Protein backbone atom coordinates (compact mmCIF):
# COMPACT_ATOMS: atom_id res chain seq x y z
CA UNK A 1 -173.70 -16.17 -155.91
CA UNK A 2 -170.86 -14.35 -154.11
CA UNK A 3 -170.33 -10.76 -154.70
CA UNK A 4 -167.39 -9.78 -156.95
CA UNK A 5 -164.70 -8.63 -154.56
CA UNK A 6 -164.07 -4.85 -154.56
CA UNK A 7 -160.54 -3.49 -154.68
CA UNK A 8 -160.26 -3.13 -150.77
CA UNK A 9 -161.41 -6.65 -150.40
CA UNK A 10 -158.87 -7.93 -152.92
CA UNK A 11 -156.10 -5.95 -151.09
CA UNK A 12 -157.21 -7.53 -147.76
CA UNK A 13 -157.01 -10.92 -149.46
CA UNK A 14 -153.47 -10.28 -150.65
CA UNK A 15 -152.57 -9.02 -147.19
CA UNK A 16 -153.84 -12.26 -145.66
CA UNK A 17 -151.94 -14.24 -148.34
CA UNK A 18 -148.77 -12.48 -147.44
CA UNK A 19 -149.08 -12.70 -143.59
CA UNK A 20 -150.34 -16.26 -143.44
CA UNK A 21 -147.95 -17.24 -146.32
CA UNK A 22 -145.02 -16.35 -144.15
CA UNK A 23 -145.41 -19.95 -142.77
CA UNK A 24 -143.62 -21.04 -145.96
CA UNK A 25 -140.80 -18.52 -145.41
CA UNK A 26 -140.36 -19.66 -141.81
CA UNK A 27 -140.39 -23.33 -142.93
CA UNK A 28 -137.63 -22.85 -145.41
CA UNK A 29 -135.78 -20.57 -143.08
CA UNK A 30 -135.87 -23.21 -140.42
CA UNK A 31 -134.44 -25.95 -142.73
CA UNK A 32 -131.78 -23.87 -144.39
CA UNK A 33 -130.68 -22.03 -141.37
CA UNK A 34 -130.18 -25.25 -139.34
CA UNK A 35 -128.24 -26.81 -142.09
CA UNK A 36 -125.66 -23.92 -141.80
CA UNK A 37 -125.99 -23.04 -138.17
CA UNK A 38 -125.24 -26.57 -136.95
CA UNK A 39 -122.00 -26.43 -138.83
CA UNK A 40 -121.12 -23.21 -137.14
CA UNK A 41 -122.07 -24.68 -133.78
CA UNK A 42 -120.22 -27.86 -134.38
CA UNK A 43 -116.76 -26.97 -133.22
CA UNK A 44 -117.59 -24.63 -130.39
CA UNK A 45 -120.11 -27.01 -128.87
CA UNK A 46 -118.20 -30.09 -129.75
CA UNK A 47 -121.09 -31.61 -131.75
CA UNK A 48 -120.26 -35.24 -132.79
CA UNK A 49 -121.13 -36.48 -136.22
CA UNK A 50 -123.91 -38.75 -134.72
CA UNK A 51 -125.40 -35.68 -132.94
CA UNK A 52 -125.34 -33.64 -136.10
CA UNK A 53 -127.33 -36.41 -137.90
CA UNK A 54 -129.62 -36.67 -135.06
CA UNK A 55 -130.40 -32.96 -134.93
CA UNK A 56 -130.97 -32.86 -138.64
CA UNK A 57 -133.27 -35.87 -138.55
CA UNK A 58 -135.19 -34.41 -135.50
CA UNK A 59 -135.98 -31.28 -137.51
CA UNK A 60 -137.48 -33.38 -140.43
CA UNK A 61 -139.30 -35.63 -138.09
CA UNK A 62 -140.90 -32.77 -136.05
CA UNK A 63 -141.95 -30.77 -139.21
CA UNK A 64 -143.91 -33.87 -140.24
CA UNK A 65 -145.29 -34.43 -136.86
CA UNK A 66 -146.24 -30.80 -136.49
CA UNK A 67 -148.08 -30.70 -139.75
CA UNK A 68 -150.06 -33.84 -138.69
CA UNK A 69 -151.20 -32.38 -135.41
CA UNK A 70 -151.46 -28.76 -136.41
CA UNK A 71 -153.57 -29.60 -139.45
CA UNK A 72 -156.18 -31.44 -137.34
CA UNK A 73 -156.22 -28.79 -134.61
CA UNK A 74 -156.80 -26.15 -137.32
CA UNK A 75 -159.84 -27.95 -138.54
CA UNK A 76 -161.22 -28.34 -135.03
CA UNK A 77 -160.50 -24.95 -133.51
CA UNK A 78 -159.83 -22.62 -136.34
CA UNK A 79 -156.98 -21.33 -138.54
CA UNK A 80 -156.28 -18.23 -136.62
CA UNK A 81 -156.18 -19.77 -133.21
CA UNK A 82 -153.67 -22.44 -134.28
CA UNK A 83 -151.27 -20.43 -136.43
CA UNK A 84 -151.08 -17.76 -133.68
CA UNK A 85 -149.95 -20.46 -131.19
CA UNK A 86 -147.54 -22.20 -133.77
CA UNK A 87 -145.68 -18.93 -134.79
CA UNK A 88 -145.32 -18.24 -130.98
CA UNK A 89 -143.79 -21.56 -130.44
CA UNK A 90 -141.58 -21.07 -133.44
CA UNK A 91 -140.30 -17.79 -131.98
CA UNK A 92 -139.55 -19.64 -128.60
CA UNK A 93 -137.68 -22.31 -130.50
CA UNK A 94 -135.65 -19.83 -132.47
CA UNK A 95 -134.80 -17.92 -129.23
CA UNK A 96 -133.58 -21.21 -127.56
CA UNK A 97 -131.41 -21.94 -130.56
CA UNK A 98 -130.06 -18.45 -130.67
CA UNK A 99 -129.16 -18.50 -126.99
CA UNK A 100 -128.31 -22.27 -126.73
CA UNK A 101 -125.45 -22.85 -124.23
CA UNK A 102 -124.91 -26.39 -125.25
CA UNK A 103 -125.92 -29.35 -127.37
CA UNK A 104 -128.87 -30.20 -125.02
CA UNK A 105 -130.52 -26.87 -125.71
CA UNK A 106 -130.17 -27.49 -129.41
CA UNK A 107 -132.32 -30.60 -129.20
CA UNK A 108 -135.05 -28.69 -127.35
CA UNK A 109 -134.85 -25.70 -129.72
CA UNK A 110 -134.95 -27.86 -132.92
CA UNK A 111 -137.81 -29.92 -131.52
CA UNK A 112 -139.83 -26.72 -131.00
CA UNK A 113 -138.75 -25.07 -134.23
CA UNK A 114 -139.54 -28.09 -136.33
CA UNK A 115 -142.90 -28.86 -134.69
CA UNK A 116 -144.06 -25.27 -135.02
CA UNK A 117 -142.83 -24.93 -138.60
CA UNK A 118 -144.76 -28.03 -139.65
CA UNK A 119 -147.86 -27.17 -137.57
CA UNK A 120 -147.95 -23.61 -139.06
CA UNK A 121 -148.19 -24.81 -142.71
CA UNK A 122 -151.80 -26.41 -143.01
CA UNK A 123 -153.73 -23.59 -141.30
CA UNK A 124 -151.83 -20.95 -143.04
CA UNK A 125 -152.38 -22.30 -146.45
CA UNK A 126 -156.04 -23.09 -145.67
CA UNK A 127 -156.48 -19.41 -144.56
CA UNK A 128 -154.96 -18.14 -147.75
CA UNK A 129 -157.34 -20.24 -149.96
CA UNK A 130 -160.45 -19.60 -147.92
CA UNK A 131 -159.92 -15.82 -147.75
CA UNK A 132 -159.01 -15.51 -151.49
CA UNK A 133 -161.46 -14.04 -153.97
CA UNK A 134 -163.01 -16.53 -156.44
CA UNK A 135 -160.64 -17.45 -159.35
CA UNK A 136 -157.56 -16.10 -157.38
CA UNK A 137 -157.37 -19.07 -154.94
CA UNK A 138 -154.53 -20.88 -156.91
CA UNK A 139 -152.66 -17.70 -157.51
CA UNK A 140 -152.58 -16.65 -153.83
CA UNK A 141 -151.79 -20.20 -152.67
CA UNK A 142 -148.96 -20.35 -155.20
CA UNK A 143 -147.59 -17.06 -153.88
CA UNK A 144 -146.81 -18.84 -150.67
CA UNK A 145 -144.24 -20.91 -152.64
CA UNK A 146 -142.59 -17.65 -153.78
CA UNK A 147 -142.12 -16.78 -150.10
CA UNK A 148 -140.71 -20.29 -149.40
CA UNK A 149 -138.12 -19.68 -152.07
CA UNK A 150 -137.41 -16.11 -150.92
CA UNK A 151 -136.17 -17.44 -147.57
CA UNK A 152 -133.34 -19.41 -149.16
CA UNK A 153 -131.28 -16.53 -150.66
CA UNK A 154 -131.91 -14.37 -147.49
CA UNK A 155 -130.55 -17.15 -145.26
CA UNK A 156 -127.66 -17.85 -147.73
CA UNK A 157 -126.72 -14.14 -147.50
CA UNK A 158 -126.62 -14.44 -143.71
CA UNK A 159 -124.49 -17.44 -144.05
CA UNK A 160 -122.01 -15.59 -146.26
CA UNK A 161 -121.84 -12.71 -143.81
CA UNK A 162 -121.42 -14.65 -140.57
CA UNK A 163 -119.86 -17.85 -142.01
CA UNK A 164 -116.53 -17.11 -140.39
CA UNK A 165 -118.02 -16.22 -136.93
CA UNK A 166 -118.51 -19.58 -135.46
CA UNK A 167 -121.14 -19.85 -132.79
CA UNK A 168 -121.84 -16.10 -132.94
CA UNK A 169 -122.81 -16.60 -136.55
CA UNK A 170 -125.12 -19.39 -135.78
CA UNK A 171 -126.77 -17.20 -133.09
CA UNK A 172 -127.30 -14.31 -135.58
CA UNK A 173 -128.82 -16.69 -138.06
CA UNK A 174 -131.34 -18.01 -135.58
CA UNK A 175 -131.91 -14.47 -134.41
CA UNK A 176 -133.03 -13.65 -137.92
CA UNK A 177 -135.67 -16.20 -137.60
CA UNK A 178 -136.71 -14.92 -134.27
CA UNK A 179 -137.21 -11.42 -135.49
CA UNK A 180 -139.22 -12.61 -138.52
CA UNK A 181 -141.39 -14.87 -136.39
CA UNK A 182 -142.14 -12.04 -133.93
CA UNK A 183 -143.08 -9.62 -136.67
CA UNK A 184 -145.36 -12.28 -138.27
CA UNK A 185 -147.03 -13.00 -134.92
CA UNK A 186 -147.78 -9.31 -134.47
CA UNK A 187 -149.31 -9.03 -137.90
CA UNK A 188 -151.35 -12.24 -137.61
CA UNK A 189 -153.05 -10.91 -134.42
CA UNK A 190 -154.82 -8.43 -136.82
CA UNK A 191 -156.21 -11.15 -139.12
CA UNK A 192 -159.82 -12.27 -138.77
CA UNK A 193 -160.68 -15.98 -138.78
CA UNK A 194 -161.20 -17.64 -142.03
CA UNK A 195 -164.86 -16.98 -143.19
CA UNK A 196 -165.51 -20.51 -144.42
CA UNK A 197 -164.19 -22.14 -141.24
CA UNK A 198 -166.27 -19.64 -139.19
CA UNK A 199 -169.46 -20.45 -141.21
CA UNK A 200 -168.95 -24.18 -140.64
CA UNK A 201 -168.27 -23.81 -136.96
CA UNK A 202 -171.43 -21.71 -136.56
CA UNK A 203 -173.53 -24.10 -138.65
CA UNK A 204 -173.00 -26.77 -136.05
CA UNK A 205 -173.54 -24.21 -133.27
CA UNK A 206 -170.10 -24.62 -131.65
CA UNK A 207 -166.86 -22.71 -131.58
CA UNK A 208 -165.01 -25.78 -132.84
CA UNK A 209 -165.47 -28.60 -135.33
CA UNK A 210 -166.32 -31.94 -133.85
CA UNK A 211 -163.21 -34.18 -133.64
CA UNK A 212 -165.26 -37.11 -134.98
CA UNK A 213 -165.31 -35.37 -138.38
CA UNK A 214 -161.92 -36.99 -139.01
CA UNK A 215 -163.67 -40.28 -139.60
CA UNK A 216 -165.52 -38.73 -142.55
CA UNK A 217 -162.15 -37.78 -144.13
CA UNK A 218 -161.41 -41.47 -144.42
CA UNK A 219 -164.83 -42.35 -145.79
CA UNK A 220 -165.42 -43.49 -149.36
CA UNK A 221 -166.28 -39.96 -150.26
CA UNK A 222 -163.02 -38.26 -149.49
CA UNK A 223 -160.32 -41.01 -149.08
CA UNK A 224 -159.62 -41.24 -152.80
CA UNK A 225 -158.97 -37.55 -152.97
CA UNK A 226 -156.69 -37.60 -149.93
CA UNK A 227 -154.73 -40.67 -151.14
CA UNK A 228 -154.30 -39.06 -154.50
CA UNK A 229 -153.10 -35.82 -153.25
CA UNK A 230 -150.83 -37.41 -150.57
CA UNK A 231 -149.30 -39.83 -153.10
CA UNK A 232 -148.71 -37.07 -155.67
CA UNK A 233 -146.88 -34.88 -153.18
CA UNK A 234 -144.87 -37.67 -151.61
CA UNK A 235 -143.57 -39.00 -154.94
CA UNK A 236 -142.86 -35.56 -156.50
CA UNK A 237 -141.23 -34.46 -153.19
CA UNK A 238 -138.70 -37.22 -153.59
CA UNK A 239 -137.20 -35.33 -156.55
CA UNK A 240 -137.56 -31.95 -154.93
CA UNK A 241 -135.94 -33.14 -151.71
CA UNK A 242 -133.11 -34.98 -153.42
CA UNK A 243 -132.34 -31.93 -155.60
CA UNK A 244 -132.42 -29.54 -152.58
CA UNK A 245 -130.65 -31.75 -150.06
CA UNK A 246 -128.01 -33.54 -152.12
CA UNK A 247 -127.19 -31.29 -155.09
CA UNK A 248 -124.07 -30.00 -153.32
CA UNK A 249 -123.16 -33.50 -152.32
CA UNK A 250 -123.35 -34.57 -156.02
CA UNK A 251 -121.36 -31.61 -157.26
CA UNK A 252 -118.61 -31.88 -154.68
CA UNK A 253 -118.26 -35.65 -154.26
CA UNK A 254 -119.24 -37.07 -157.65
CA UNK A 255 -118.54 -34.23 -160.16
CA UNK A 256 -115.45 -33.14 -158.21
CA UNK A 257 -116.12 -29.43 -158.02
CA UNK A 258 -115.68 -27.12 -155.13
CA UNK A 259 -118.24 -25.78 -152.65
CA UNK A 260 -118.26 -22.30 -154.07
CA UNK A 261 -119.00 -23.49 -157.64
CA UNK A 262 -121.72 -25.87 -156.25
CA UNK A 263 -123.28 -22.90 -154.44
CA UNK A 264 -123.27 -20.75 -157.60
CA UNK A 265 -124.90 -23.65 -159.52
CA UNK A 266 -127.63 -23.96 -156.91
CA UNK A 267 -128.25 -20.14 -157.01
CA UNK A 268 -128.87 -20.33 -160.76
CA UNK A 269 -131.37 -22.97 -160.28
CA UNK A 270 -133.08 -21.06 -157.50
CA UNK A 271 -133.45 -18.03 -159.74
CA UNK A 272 -135.07 -20.12 -162.43
CA UNK A 273 -137.44 -21.65 -159.84
CA UNK A 274 -138.39 -18.12 -158.62
CA UNK A 275 -139.29 -16.99 -162.13
CA UNK A 276 -141.29 -20.26 -162.72
CA UNK A 277 -143.33 -19.65 -159.47
CA UNK A 278 -144.29 -16.14 -160.75
CA UNK A 279 -145.25 -17.76 -164.02
CA UNK A 280 -147.39 -20.32 -162.24
CA UNK A 281 -149.23 -17.63 -160.47
CA UNK A 282 -150.39 -16.26 -163.82
CA UNK A 283 -151.69 -19.52 -165.26
CA UNK A 284 -152.79 -21.62 -162.25
CA UNK A 285 -156.33 -20.28 -162.14
CA UNK A 286 -156.76 -20.36 -165.94
CA UNK A 287 -157.55 -23.16 -168.46
CA UNK A 288 -153.75 -23.39 -169.23
CA UNK A 289 -153.00 -25.00 -165.80
CA UNK A 290 -153.00 -28.64 -166.85
CA UNK A 291 -151.25 -27.81 -170.11
CA UNK A 292 -148.49 -26.29 -168.01
CA UNK A 293 -148.57 -29.22 -165.72
CA UNK A 294 -148.07 -31.72 -168.48
CA UNK A 295 -145.43 -29.81 -170.35
CA UNK A 296 -143.62 -29.29 -167.01
CA UNK A 297 -143.69 -32.98 -166.10
CA UNK A 298 -142.30 -33.80 -169.54
CA UNK A 299 -139.53 -31.18 -169.21
CA UNK A 300 -138.62 -32.35 -165.65
CA UNK A 301 -138.26 -35.97 -166.93
CA UNK A 302 -136.04 -34.66 -169.74
CA UNK A 303 -134.01 -32.66 -167.18
CA UNK A 304 -133.27 -36.02 -165.34
CA UNK A 305 -132.54 -37.96 -168.42
CA UNK A 306 -129.78 -35.45 -169.57
CA UNK A 307 -127.22 -36.46 -166.80
CA UNK A 308 -128.44 -40.05 -166.91
CA UNK A 309 -127.80 -40.41 -170.66
CA UNK A 310 -124.81 -38.18 -171.31
CA UNK A 311 -123.10 -38.80 -168.05
CA UNK A 312 -122.41 -36.74 -164.95
CA UNK A 313 -120.54 -33.48 -165.56
CA UNK A 314 -120.87 -29.96 -164.39
CA UNK A 315 -122.59 -29.02 -167.73
CA UNK A 316 -125.10 -31.85 -167.36
CA UNK A 317 -125.87 -31.05 -163.78
CA UNK A 318 -126.27 -27.28 -164.64
CA UNK A 319 -128.75 -28.26 -167.42
CA UNK A 320 -130.63 -30.41 -165.05
CA UNK A 321 -130.76 -27.63 -162.38
CA UNK A 322 -131.97 -25.00 -164.77
CA UNK A 323 -134.60 -27.12 -166.54
CA UNK A 324 -135.79 -28.82 -163.42
CA UNK A 325 -135.75 -25.52 -161.46
CA UNK A 326 -138.41 -24.35 -163.96
CA UNK A 327 -140.42 -27.35 -164.70
CA UNK A 328 -140.45 -28.77 -161.17
CA UNK A 329 -142.38 -25.73 -159.99
CA UNK A 330 -145.15 -25.91 -162.56
CA UNK A 331 -145.52 -29.66 -162.02
CA UNK A 332 -144.52 -30.22 -158.46
CA UNK A 333 -145.04 -29.02 -154.92
CA UNK A 334 -146.90 -25.81 -155.76
CA UNK A 335 -149.60 -27.87 -157.47
CA UNK A 336 -149.97 -30.00 -154.28
CA UNK A 337 -150.59 -26.74 -152.36
CA UNK A 338 -153.25 -25.70 -154.84
CA UNK A 339 -155.06 -29.02 -155.08
CA UNK A 340 -155.04 -29.66 -151.33
CA UNK A 341 -157.00 -26.49 -151.02
CA UNK A 342 -159.40 -26.96 -153.91
CA UNK A 343 -160.39 -30.63 -153.56
CA UNK A 344 -160.92 -31.11 -149.73
CA UNK A 345 -163.81 -29.35 -147.84
CA UNK A 346 -163.30 -26.86 -145.07
CA UNK A 347 -163.88 -29.17 -142.19
CA UNK A 348 -161.04 -31.46 -143.41
CA UNK A 349 -158.81 -29.25 -145.36
CA UNK A 350 -155.99 -28.64 -142.84
CA UNK A 351 -156.11 -32.23 -141.52
CA UNK A 352 -155.70 -33.59 -145.14
CA UNK A 353 -152.72 -31.33 -145.71
CA UNK A 354 -151.13 -32.30 -142.40
CA UNK A 355 -151.43 -36.04 -143.28
CA UNK A 356 -150.06 -35.40 -146.77
CA UNK A 357 -147.14 -33.24 -145.51
CA UNK A 358 -146.29 -35.78 -142.82
CA UNK A 359 -146.42 -38.66 -145.17
CA UNK A 360 -144.27 -36.88 -147.79
CA UNK A 361 -141.61 -35.88 -145.23
CA UNK A 362 -141.42 -39.38 -144.03
CA UNK A 363 -140.99 -40.83 -147.54
CA UNK A 364 -138.33 -38.19 -148.32
CA UNK A 365 -136.45 -38.91 -145.09
CA UNK A 366 -136.46 -42.66 -145.77
CA UNK A 367 -135.41 -42.06 -149.40
CA UNK A 368 -132.62 -39.63 -148.17
CA UNK A 369 -131.10 -42.49 -146.14
CA UNK A 370 -130.17 -44.37 -149.25
CA UNK A 371 -129.60 -41.42 -151.62
CA UNK A 372 -125.88 -41.05 -150.97
CA UNK A 373 -125.39 -44.90 -151.43
CA UNK A 374 -127.10 -44.85 -154.72
CA UNK A 375 -125.16 -41.75 -155.87
CA UNK A 376 -121.86 -43.41 -154.91
CA UNK A 377 -122.89 -46.54 -156.77
CA UNK A 378 -124.09 -44.81 -159.92
CA UNK A 379 -125.22 -41.18 -160.15
CA UNK A 380 -126.76 -41.97 -163.53
CA UNK A 381 -128.95 -44.61 -161.89
CA UNK A 382 -130.13 -41.96 -159.36
CA UNK A 383 -131.28 -39.66 -162.14
CA UNK A 384 -133.17 -42.54 -163.89
CA UNK A 385 -134.89 -43.17 -160.50
CA UNK A 386 -135.88 -39.55 -160.25
CA UNK A 387 -137.18 -39.52 -163.86
CA UNK A 388 -139.34 -42.46 -162.98
CA UNK A 389 -140.64 -40.65 -159.93
CA UNK A 390 -141.63 -37.68 -161.96
CA UNK A 391 -143.32 -39.85 -164.48
CA UNK A 392 -145.43 -41.57 -161.82
CA UNK A 393 -146.28 -38.33 -159.96
CA UNK A 394 -147.20 -36.72 -163.23
CA UNK A 395 -149.55 -39.55 -164.18
CA UNK A 396 -151.13 -39.37 -160.63
CA UNK A 397 -151.68 -35.63 -161.01
CA UNK A 398 -153.01 -35.83 -164.57
CA UNK A 399 -155.25 -38.97 -164.45
CA UNK A 400 -156.28 -39.00 -160.70
CA UNK A 401 -155.94 -35.76 -158.76
CA UNK A 402 -156.94 -33.32 -161.41
CA UNK A 403 -160.12 -35.25 -162.12
CA UNK A 404 -161.38 -35.04 -158.62
CA UNK A 405 -164.33 -32.54 -158.09
CA UNK A 406 -163.39 -29.13 -156.77
CA UNK A 407 -165.27 -28.00 -153.58
CA UNK A 408 -163.59 -24.71 -152.57
CA UNK A 409 -165.31 -22.49 -155.03
CA UNK A 410 -168.66 -24.28 -154.48
CA UNK A 411 -168.37 -23.51 -150.66
CA UNK A 412 -167.81 -19.86 -151.52
CA UNK A 413 -170.97 -19.60 -153.53
CA UNK A 414 -173.04 -19.44 -150.38
CA UNK A 415 -170.95 -16.77 -148.60
CA UNK A 416 -169.30 -13.68 -150.01
CA UNK A 417 -165.56 -13.77 -149.78
CA UNK A 418 -164.36 -12.12 -146.53
CA UNK A 419 -167.85 -12.03 -145.01
CA UNK A 420 -168.12 -13.29 -141.40
CA UNK A 421 -171.46 -13.20 -139.65
CA UNK A 422 -171.30 -10.26 -137.34
CA UNK A 423 -172.90 -11.98 -134.29
CA UNK A 424 -170.25 -14.71 -134.22
CA UNK A 425 -167.21 -13.27 -135.74
CA UNK A 426 -165.57 -12.49 -132.38
CA UNK A 427 -166.18 -15.92 -130.92
CA UNK A 428 -165.05 -17.73 -134.02
CA UNK A 429 -161.83 -15.71 -134.38
CA UNK A 430 -160.93 -16.60 -130.79
CA UNK A 431 -160.79 -12.89 -129.60
C-alpha cells in the first residue's frame, strides 16, 4: 500500500497542481483574449468580417487538434516533455500575435496559440492526477478549473483598461499571455516527470510508451469508458459553450439590453461559478460527489426551463446565469476532467483526454454555427434544447460513466505518490 503523504509531499503535489494547472488558465486566456483583441485589431488592420470569423474558427479548430495530438504524444513520451514544448509554442504564438504587423501574422499566431493551448491540456491534467496524493486526485484536478475561470476576469480587466487603445491594446493583452506563459515555462522546468508514467515507461524498458498501445484504447476493455467520457463532455459542453459564447448575443440582440449590462450579468454568473468550483473541490473526493452531481444536473435543467417557460427577459436570463453558474460546475466540465483521470489507465490517459476534448470542441463548433439562427427563431426553444442536453449528459454521467471501474488509485497502490525510481528518474523526465 502507498505511504500516507507527508506534509512536504502534499505541498509538492499542490505545487505541481498549480504549475501544471496553469494550462487551464492559458486555455481560457487564449479564448477570451482573442475574442477582445481581434476587435481591437479589426480597424487598424482592416480585418474583414470573413477574416474575423476565420480567425475565431481557427482558434477553436486548433485547440481541438492540439489536444488530439498532444494527448497521444504525452502518453508516448511523457507529460513533462510534452507540456514543456507546448507552453514554449504557446509563448511563441503569443509573441507573434503581440507583434503582428498584419492579418497574415495573426493567422500564424492563432494557429500556434490554439494548437499549443489544446496540446497543453491533456498532459497537464494527467500530471496533476498522477502526482496527487490518494483521495486528493479529484480535488487537485478540479482546482485546474478554478484556474481556468480565474483567467476570465483577469483578461476582462485588461480589456477594460486597454479597450480604447486600438491595436496597442491588443498587443498588451497578448503580451499578458506571453509573460504568463514564460513564467509557467520556467516553473515547469523544475517539475519531475509523472511517477506513474515513469513507472510504466520503465516497466517496458523504454523511455517512451509504444505507439501501438493506442490500439488497446479502442479495445473492448477501454472503448466503453472512452465513449462514455467523450459523449458526456461533448453534450454537457454544448450548454457551457453556448452560455459562454452567446450569452452577450442573447442579452443584446434578443433581450435588448446594452453591452455594459450584459457584461455585468456575465460577471455575476462567473462569481457564482467560481464559488461552485471551490465547493466541488470539497466534495469531489467524498461520498457526496454523485449526490452533488445529480442535484446539480436537476438544478441546471431548472435553470434552462425558467426562461423557456416564463419567457426571455433580463430577470429570467439572470436567474439562468446564477443557477447554471453554480449547478453547471458541479455537474459539468470539471467532472469530465476528474473522470477522464480516474477511469483511464496511465498509458492511455492523455490520449483519451485529447480525443474527448477534440470531439467536444468539434461538436460545440458545429452547434455554434446554428445557435444564432435558433435564438433568432425562438430563444425559448434554445433553452429547451439546452435543458434536453443537460438531461442526456446527466443520465450518461449517472448511469454510464460513474459506473465504470476506477483505475488511477489502483495504479498508485504499487508506488508511493511522488516516488520515482532513482536509477531512471533522469532519463524518464527528459533531463
